[in-house]
Amino acid sequence: MTALWTAQWFSKRKPKPLDEILQLKVRKEMTDEEMLTRVKNLNAIFGGEVVREDGN
């Protein structure tokens, strides 16, 4: 497989990008609010508690 993959790079017809072959999903960048919500959910799942919400 490695030899086939390498040979394709030297030919005129280039192979498809690896992400396309593996069908990897492009991750969307999270907003600050989405990250905070995710952290609060994880905190609750693992039994944590909120000490301060004002950021100080």
Protein backbone atom coordinates (compact mmCIF):
# COMPACT_ATOMS: atom_id res chain seq x y z
CA MET A 1 0.00 0.00 0.00
CA THR A 2 2.82 2.40 0.83
CA ALA A 3 4.48 1.75 -2.54
CA LEU A 4 1.18 2.33 -4.35
CA TRP A 5 0.58 5.57 -2.45
CA THR A 6 4.13 6.77 -3.22
CA ALA A 7 3.87 5.82 -6.90
CA GLN A 8 0.69 7.87 -7.25
CA TRP A 9 2.53 10.99 -6.09
CA PHE A 10 5.07 10.59 -8.89
CA SER A 11 2.41 10.09 -11.56
CA LYS A 12 0.53 12.87 -13.36
CA ARG A 13 -2.70 11.92 -11.61
CA LYS A 14 -2.42 12.89 -7.94
CA PRO A 15 -4.29 10.89 -5.28
CA LYS A 16 -7.18 12.35 -3.34
CA PRO A 17 -6.30 14.22 -0.14
CA LEU A 18 -5.90 11.92 2.87
CA ASP A 19 -8.76 13.63 4.73
CA GLU A 20 -11.07 12.81 1.83
CA ILE A 21 -9.90 9.20 1.69
CA LEU A 22 -10.34 8.73 5.43
CA GLN A 23 -13.54 10.79 5.39
CA LEU A 24 -12.45 12.90 8.33
CA LYS A 25 -14.94 15.50 9.45
CA VAL A 26 -13.74 19.06 9.70
CA ARG A 27 -14.26 20.31 13.22
CA LYS A 28 -16.10 23.57 13.67
CA GLU A 29 -14.41 26.09 15.92
CA MET A 30 -16.41 26.61 19.12
CA THR A 31 -17.44 30.01 20.40
CA ASP A 32 -16.56 31.14 23.91
CA GLU A 33 -20.14 30.47 25.04
CA GLU A 34 -20.08 26.93 23.61
CA MET A 35 -16.79 26.21 25.39
CA LEU A 36 -18.14 27.53 28.70
CA THR A 37 -21.26 25.40 28.34
CA ARG A 38 -19.15 22.32 27.57
CA VAL A 39 -16.93 22.94 30.61
CA LYS A 40 -19.94 23.42 32.90
CA ASN A 41 -21.46 20.15 31.63
CA LEU A 42 -18.21 18.25 32.17
CA ASN A 43 -17.87 19.79 35.62
CA ALA A 44 -21.37 18.59 36.53
CA ILE A 45 -20.77 15.11 35.07
CA PHE A 46 -17.59 14.63 37.11
CA GLY A 47 -19.17 15.92 40.31
CA GLY A 48 -17.46 19.27 40.46
CA GLU A 49 -19.03 22.35 41.96
CA VAL A 50 -18.95 26.00 40.96
CA VAL A 51 -16.95 28.00 43.51
CA ARG A 52 -17.30 31.39 41.83
CA GLU A 53 -19.12 32.47 38.72
CA ASP A 54 -17.89 36.07 38.61
CA GLY A 55 -14.43 35.07 37.33
CA ASN A 56 -12.52 36.37 40.39
